Amino acid sequence: GIHRQILLATLGCFVGYQLVKRTEYMHAKVDRELFEYIRHHPVDFNSSTEKKRIGQLLEDFHPIR
């Protein structure tokens, strides 16, 4: 009956909420660990001051015809 549908919908919302909460926690934990690693090892993550142009990143194009 309708009472089962209401019960299952409520249960589904609760389980879905808990799963979303857990995945957000896991992602926040990974982010926190990565930022902590970056903070302790700044030499590994130096950004170059000069920007590369798109032509320097791509290989030269040679048509095959």
PDB file of N, CA and C in Angstrom:
ATOM      1  N   GLY A   1       0.813  -1.179   0.000  1.00  0.00           N
ATOM      2  CA  GLY A   1       0.000   0.000   0.000  1.00  0.00           C
ATOM      3  C   GLY A   1       0.863   1.253   0.000  1.00  0.00           C
ATOM      4  N   ILE A   2       0.171   2.326   0.239  1.00  0.00           N
ATOM      5  CA  ILE A   2       0.817   3.631   0.209  1.00  0.00           C
ATOM      6  C   ILE A   2       1.800   3.792   1.358  1.00  0.00           C
ATOM      7  N   HIS A   3       1.524   3.132   2.493  1.00  0.00           N
ATOM      8  CA  HIS A   3       2.429   3.264   3.634  1.00  0.00           C
ATOM      9  C   HIS A   3       3.803   2.671   3.341  1.00  0.00           C
ATOM     10  N   ARG A   4       3.851   1.608   2.542  1.00  0.00           N
ATOM     11  CA  ARG A   4       5.137   1.017   2.168  1.00  0.00           C
ATOM     12  C   ARG A   4       5.901   1.945   1.238  1.00  0.00           C
ATOM     13  N   GLN A   5       5.205   2.579   0.309  1.00  0.00           N
ATOM     14  CA  GLN A   5       5.864   3.508  -0.608  1.00  0.00           C
ATOM     15  C   GLN A   5       6.449   4.700   0.148  1.00  0.00           C
ATOM     16  N   ILE A   6       5.711   5.206   1.110  1.00  0.00           N
ATOM     17  CA  ILE A   6       6.203   6.322   1.914  1.00  0.00           C
ATOM     18  C   ILE A   6       7.407   5.878   2.736  1.00  0.00           C
ATOM     19  N   LEU A   7       7.339   4.697   3.319  1.00  0.00           N
ATOM     20  CA  LEU A   7       8.445   4.168   4.108  1.00  0.00           C
ATOM     21  C   LEU A   7       9.689   3.973   3.252  1.00  0.00           C
ATOM     22  N   LEU A   8       9.544   3.362   2.079  1.00  0.00           N
ATOM     23  CA  LEU A   8      10.691   3.121   1.212  1.00  0.00           C
ATOM     24  C   LEU A   8      11.266   4.423   0.655  1.00  0.00           C
ATOM     25  N   ALA A   9      10.406   5.397   0.348  1.00  0.00           N
ATOM     26  CA  ALA A   9      10.895   6.696  -0.126  1.00  0.00           C
ATOM     27  C   ALA A   9      11.689   7.396   0.970  1.00  0.00           C
ATOM     28  N   THR A  10      11.201   7.345   2.196  1.00  0.00           N
ATOM     29  CA  THR A  10      11.916   7.947   3.324  1.00  0.00           C
ATOM     30  C   THR A  10      13.236   7.235   3.547  1.00  0.00           C
ATOM     31  N   LEU A  11      13.219   5.928   3.490  1.00  0.00           N
ATOM     32  CA  LEU A  11      14.438   5.152   3.664  1.00  0.00           C
ATOM     33  C   LEU A  11      15.447   5.458   2.550  1.00  0.00           C
ATOM     34  N   GLY A  12      14.976   5.572   1.325  1.00  0.00           N
ATOM     35  CA  GLY A  12      15.849   5.901   0.191  1.00  0.00           C
ATOM     36  C   GLY A  12      16.475   7.278   0.339  1.00  0.00           C
ATOM     37  N   CYS A  13      15.695   8.248   0.799  1.00  0.00           N
ATOM     38  CA  CYS A  13      16.233   9.591   1.024  1.00  0.00           C
ATOM     39  C   CYS A  13      17.297   9.575   2.118  1.00  0.00           C
ATOM     40  N   PHE A  14      17.046   8.843   3.180  1.00  0.00           N
ATOM     41  CA  PHE A  14      18.003   8.763   4.284  1.00  0.00           C
ATOM     42  C   PHE A  14      19.302   8.108   3.834  1.00  0.00           C
ATOM     43  N   VAL A  15      19.206   6.991   3.132  1.00  0.00           N
ATOM     44  CA  VAL A  15      20.401   6.277   2.667  1.00  0.00           C
ATOM     45  C   VAL A  15      21.162   7.143   1.656  1.00  0.00           C
ATOM     46  N   GLY A  16      20.447   7.791   0.745  1.00  0.00           N
ATOM     47  CA  GLY A  16      21.090   8.665  -0.229  1.00  0.00           C
ATOM     48  C   GLY A  16      21.820   9.814   0.437  1.00  0.00           C
ATOM     49  N   TYR A  17      21.196  10.417   1.443  1.00  0.00           N
ATOM     50  CA  TYR A  17      21.824  11.515   2.181  1.00  0.00           C
ATOM     51  C   TYR A  17      23.109  11.047   2.856  1.00  0.00           C
ATOM     52  N   GLN A  18      23.066   9.876   3.474  1.00  0.00           N
ATOM     53  CA  GLN A  18      24.248   9.354   4.153  1.00  0.00           C
ATOM     54  C   GLN A  18      25.368   9.039   3.161  1.00  0.00           C
ATOM     55  N   LEU A  19      25.021   8.505   1.983  1.00  0.00           N
ATOM     56  CA  LEU A  19      26.035   8.208   0.971  1.00  0.00           C
ATOM     57  C   LEU A  19      26.684   9.483   0.441  1.00  0.00           C
ATOM     58  N   VAL A  20      25.890  10.512   0.190  1.00  0.00           N
ATOM     59  CA  VAL A  20      26.436  11.789  -0.284  1.00  0.00           C
ATOM     60  C   VAL A  20      27.341  12.398   0.778  1.00  0.00           C
ATOM     61  N   LYS A  21      26.900  12.330   2.036  1.00  0.00           N
ATOM     62  CA  LYS A  21      27.701  12.867   3.133  1.00  0.00           C
ATOM     63  C   LYS A  21      29.036  12.133   3.236  1.00  0.00           C
ATOM     64  N   ARG A  22      29.024  10.827   3.069  1.00  0.00           N
ATOM     65  CA  ARG A  22      30.256  10.044   3.158  1.00  0.00           C
ATOM     66  C   ARG A  22      31.198  10.357   2.001  1.00  0.00           C
ATOM     67  N   THR A  23      30.682  10.469   0.783  1.00  0.00           N
ATOM     68  CA  THR A  23      31.555  10.773  -0.357  1.00  0.00           C
ATOM     69  C   THR A  23      32.157  12.169  -0.219  1.00  0.00           C
ATOM     70  N   GLU A  24      31.392  13.139   0.270  1.00  0.00           N
ATOM     71  CA  GLU A  24      31.941  14.479   0.483  1.00  0.00           C
ATOM     72  C   GLU A  24      33.039  14.444   1.545  1.00  0.00           C
ATOM     73  N   TYR A  25      32.856  13.637   2.576  1.00  0.00           N
ATOM     74  CA  TYR A  25      33.888  13.490   3.612  1.00  0.00           C
ATOM     75  C   TYR A  25      35.154  12.875   3.031  1.00  0.00           C
ATOM     76  N   MET A  26      35.002  11.842   2.209  1.00  0.00           N
ATOM     77  CA  MET A  26      36.166  11.181   1.614  1.00  0.00           C
ATOM     78  C   MET A  26      36.934  12.150   0.715  1.00  0.00           C
ATOM     79  N   HIS A  27      36.211  12.928  -0.108  1.00  0.00           N
ATOM     80  CA  HIS A  27      36.874  13.881  -0.987  1.00  0.00           C
ATOM     81  C   HIS A  27      37.558  14.990  -0.185  1.00  0.00           C
ATOM     82  N   ALA A  28      36.930  15.454   0.893  1.00  0.00           N
ATOM     83  CA  ALA A  28      37.540  16.476   1.738  1.00  0.00           C
ATOM     84  C   ALA A  28      38.799  15.944   2.414  1.00  0.00           C
ATOM     85  N   LYS A  29      38.776  14.682   2.805  1.00  0.00           N
ATOM     86  CA  LYS A  29      39.940  14.064   3.441  1.00  0.00           C
ATOM     87  C   LYS A  29      41.110  13.985   2.469  1.00  0.00           C
ATOM     88  N   VAL A  30      40.844  13.566   1.232  1.00  0.00           N
ATOM     89  CA  VAL A  30      41.899  13.483   0.216  1.00  0.00           C
ATOM     90  C   VAL A  30      42.449  14.879  -0.085  1.00  0.00           C
ATOM     91  N   ASP A  31      41.564  15.865  -0.221  1.00  0.00           N
ATOM     92  CA  ASP A  31      42.006  17.233  -0.471  1.00  0.00           C
ATOM     93  C   ASP A  31      42.888  17.742   0.660  1.00  0.00           C
ATOM     94  N   ARG A  32      42.493  17.480   1.882  1.00  0.00           N
ATOM     95  CA  ARG A  32      43.271  17.926   3.038  1.00  0.00           C
ATOM     96  C   ARG A  32      44.658  17.287   3.029  1.00  0.00           C
ATOM     97  N   GLU A  33      44.751  16.008   2.711  1.00  0.00           N
ATOM     98  CA  GLU A  33      46.043  15.327   2.662  1.00  0.00           C
ATOM     99  C   GLU A  33      46.924  15.879   1.541  1.00  0.00           C
ATOM    100  N   LEU A  34      46.317  16.141   0.370  1.00  0.00           N
ATOM    101  CA  LEU A  34      47.099  16.672  -0.741  1.00  0.00           C
ATOM    102  C   LEU A  34      47.606  18.074  -0.450  1.00  0.00           C
ATOM    103  N   PHE A  35      46.762  18.935   0.107  1.00  0.00           N
ATOM    104  CA  PHE A  35      47.194  20.290   0.433  1.00  0.00           C
ATOM    105  C   PHE A  35      48.273  20.283   1.503  1.00  0.00           C
ATOM    106  N   GLU A  36      48.172  19.370   2.442  1.00  0.00           N
ATOM    107  CA  GLU A  36      49.201  19.249   3.475  1.00  0.00           C
ATOM    108  C   GLU A  36      50.526  18.801   2.850  1.00  0.00           C
ATOM    109  N   TYR A  37      50.474  17.874   1.909  1.00  0.00           N
ATOM    110  CA  TYR A  37      51.687  17.426   1.224  1.00  0.00           C
ATOM    111  C   TYR A  37      52.303  18.576   0.430  1.00  0.00           C
ATOM    112  N   ILE A  38      51.464  19.327  -0.270  1.00  0.00           N
ATOM    113  CA  ILE A  38      51.960  20.469  -1.041  1.00  0.00           C
ATOM    114  C   ILE A  38      52.590  21.501  -0.118  1.00  0.00           C
ATOM    115  N   ARG A  39      51.996  21.719   1.050  1.00  0.00           N
ATOM    116  CA  ARG A  39      52.535  22.695   1.995  1.00  0.00           C
ATOM    117  C   ARG A  39      53.897  22.258   2.531  1.00  0.00           C
ATOM    118  N   HIS A  40      54.105  20.954   2.725  1.00  0.00           N
ATOM    119  CA  HIS A  40      55.371  20.450   3.251  1.00  0.00           C
ATOM    120  C   HIS A  40      56.446  20.277   2.175  1.00  0.00           C
ATOM    121  N   HIS A  41      56.046  20.192   0.903  1.00  0.00           N
ATOM    122  CA  HIS A  41      57.003  19.992  -0.192  1.00  0.00           C
ATOM    123  C   HIS A  41      56.794  21.065  -1.268  1.00  0.00           C
ATOM    124  N   PRO A  42      57.069  22.318  -0.981  1.00  0.00           N
ATOM    125  CA  PRO A  42      56.808  23.376  -1.963  1.00  0.00           C
ATOM    126  C   PRO A  42      57.744  23.326  -3.168  1.00  0.00           C
ATOM    127  N   VAL A  43      58.915  22.713  -3.031  1.00  0.00           N
ATOM    128  CA  VAL A  43      59.869  22.662  -4.139  1.00  0.00           C
ATOM    129  C   VAL A  43      59.320  21.822  -5.287  1.00  0.00           C
ATOM    130  N   ASP A  44      58.572  20.792  -4.969  1.00  0.00           N
ATOM    131  CA  ASP A  44      58.026  19.911  -6.008  1.00  0.00           C
ATOM    132  C   ASP A  44      56.931  20.578  -6.835  1.00  0.00           C
ATOM    133  N   PHE A  45      56.378  21.695  -6.358  1.00  0.00           N
ATOM    134  CA  PHE A  45      55.225  22.306  -7.009  1.00  0.00           C
ATOM    135  C   PHE A  45      55.477  23.756  -7.397  1.00  0.00           C
ATOM    136  N   ASN A  46      56.708  24.079  -7.795  1.00  0.00           N
ATOM    137  CA  ASN A  46      57.001  25.432  -8.259  1.00  0.00           C
ATOM    138  C   ASN A  46      56.337  25.662  -9.602  1.00  0.00           C
ATOM    139  N   SER A  47      55.667  26.786  -9.726  1.00  0.00           N
ATOM    140  CA  SER A  47      55.065  27.127 -11.009  1.00  0.00           C
ATOM    141  C   SER A  47      56.017  28.061 -11.743  1.00  0.00           C
ATOM    142  N   SER A  48      56.206  27.807 -13.010  1.00  0.00           N
ATOM    143  CA  SER A  48      57.104  28.645 -13.789  1.00  0.00           C
ATOM    144  C   SER A  48      56.455  30.008 -14.000  1.00  0.00           C
ATOM    145  N   THR A  49      57.262  31.038 -13.985  1.00  0.00           N
ATOM    146  CA  THR A  49      56.728  32.391 -14.101  1.00  0.00           C
ATOM    147  C   THR A  49      56.357  32.726 -15.538  1.00  0.00           C
ATOM    148  N   GLU A  50      57.068  32.153 -16.519  1.00  0.00           N
ATOM    149  CA  GLU A  50      56.721  32.448 -17.904  1.00  0.00           C
ATOM    150  C   GLU A  50      55.673  31.458 -18.399  1.00  0.00           C
ATOM    151  N   LYS A  51      54.692  31.986 -19.096  1.00  0.00           N
ATOM    152  CA  LYS A  51      53.637  31.133 -19.624  1.00  0.00           C
ATOM    153  C   LYS A  51      54.020  30.659 -21.017  1.00  0.00           C
ATOM    154  N   LYS A  52      53.702  29.415 -21.320  1.00  0.00           N
ATOM    155  CA  LYS A  52      53.989  28.868 -22.635  1.00  0.00           C
ATOM    156  C   LYS A  52      52.837  29.197 -23.576  1.00  0.00           C
ATOM    157  N   ARG A  53      53.182  29.437 -24.800  1.00  0.00           N
ATOM    158  CA  ARG A  53      52.169  29.685 -25.819  1.00  0.00           C
ATOM    159  C   ARG A  53      51.660  28.337 -26.337  1.00  0.00           C
ATOM    160  N   ILE A  54      50.510  28.361 -26.974  1.00  0.00           N
ATOM    161  CA  ILE A  54      49.904  27.117 -27.455  1.00  0.00           C
ATOM    162  C   ILE A  54      50.794  26.454 -28.514  1.00  0.00           C
ATOM    163  N   GLY A  55      51.522  27.236 -29.298  1.00  0.00           N
ATOM    164  CA  GLY A  55      52.416  26.683 -30.307  1.00  0.00           C
ATOM    165  C   GLY A  55      53.581  25.922 -29.704  1.00  0.00           C
ATOM    166  N   GLN A  56      53.988  26.288 -28.498  1.00  0.00           N
ATOM    167  CA  GLN A  56      55.081  25.583 -27.835  1.00  0.00           C
ATOM    168  C   GLN A  56      54.615  24.266 -27.238  1.00  0.00           C
ATOM    169  N   LEU A  57      53.337  24.149 -26.954  1.00  0.00           N
ATOM    170  CA  LEU A  57      52.803  22.929 -26.347  1.00  0.00           C
ATOM    171  C   LEU A  57      52.468  21.858 -27.375  1.00  0.00           C
ATOM    172  N   LEU A  58      52.028  22.286 -28.570  1.00  0.00           N
ATOM    173  CA  LEU A  58      51.602  21.334 -29.591  1.00  0.00           C
ATOM    174  C   LEU A  58      52.743  21.005 -30.538  1.00  0.00           C
ATOM    175  N   GLU A  59      52.667  19.823 -31.132  1.00  0.00           N
ATOM    176  CA  GLU A  59      53.654  19.437 -32.138  1.00  0.00           C
ATOM    177  C   GLU A  59      53.345  20.122 -33.452  1.00  0.00           C
ATOM    178  N   ASP A  60      54.353  20.240 -34.305  1.00  0.00           N
ATOM    179  CA  ASP A  60      54.129  20.828 -35.606  1.00  0.00           C
ATOM    180  C   ASP A  60      53.228  19.936 -36.451  1.00  0.00           C
ATOM    181  N   PHE A  61      52.373  20.561 -37.270  1.00  0.00           N
ATOM    182  CA  PHE A  61      51.429  19.818 -38.097  1.00  0.00           C
ATOM    183  C   PHE A  61      52.052  19.621 -39.481  1.00  0.00           C
ATOM    184  N   HIS A  62      52.112  18.361 -39.915  1.00  0.00           N
ATOM    185  CA  HIS A  62      52.624  18.024 -41.247  1.00  0.00           C
ATOM    186  C   HIS A  62      51.555  17.181 -41.937  1.00  0.00           C
ATOM    187  N   PRO A  63      50.905  17.721 -42.961  1.00  0.00           N
ATOM    188  CA  PRO A  63      49.870  16.942 -43.652  1.00  0.00           C
ATOM    189  C   PRO A  63      50.482  15.743 -44.383  1.00  0.00           C
ATOM    190  N   ILE A  64      49.719  14.665 -44.510  1.00  0.00           N
ATOM    191  CA  ILE A  64      50.232  13.403 -45.048  1.00  0.00           C
ATOM    192  C   ILE A  64      50.068  13.318 -46.563  1.00  0.00           C
ATOM    193  N   ARG A  65      49.309  14.153 -47.199  1.00  0.00           N
ATOM    194  CA  ARG A  65      49.037  14.032 -48.638  1.00  0.00           C
ATOM    195  C   ARG A  65      50.213  13.973 -49.469  1.00  0.00           C
TER     196      ARG A  65
END
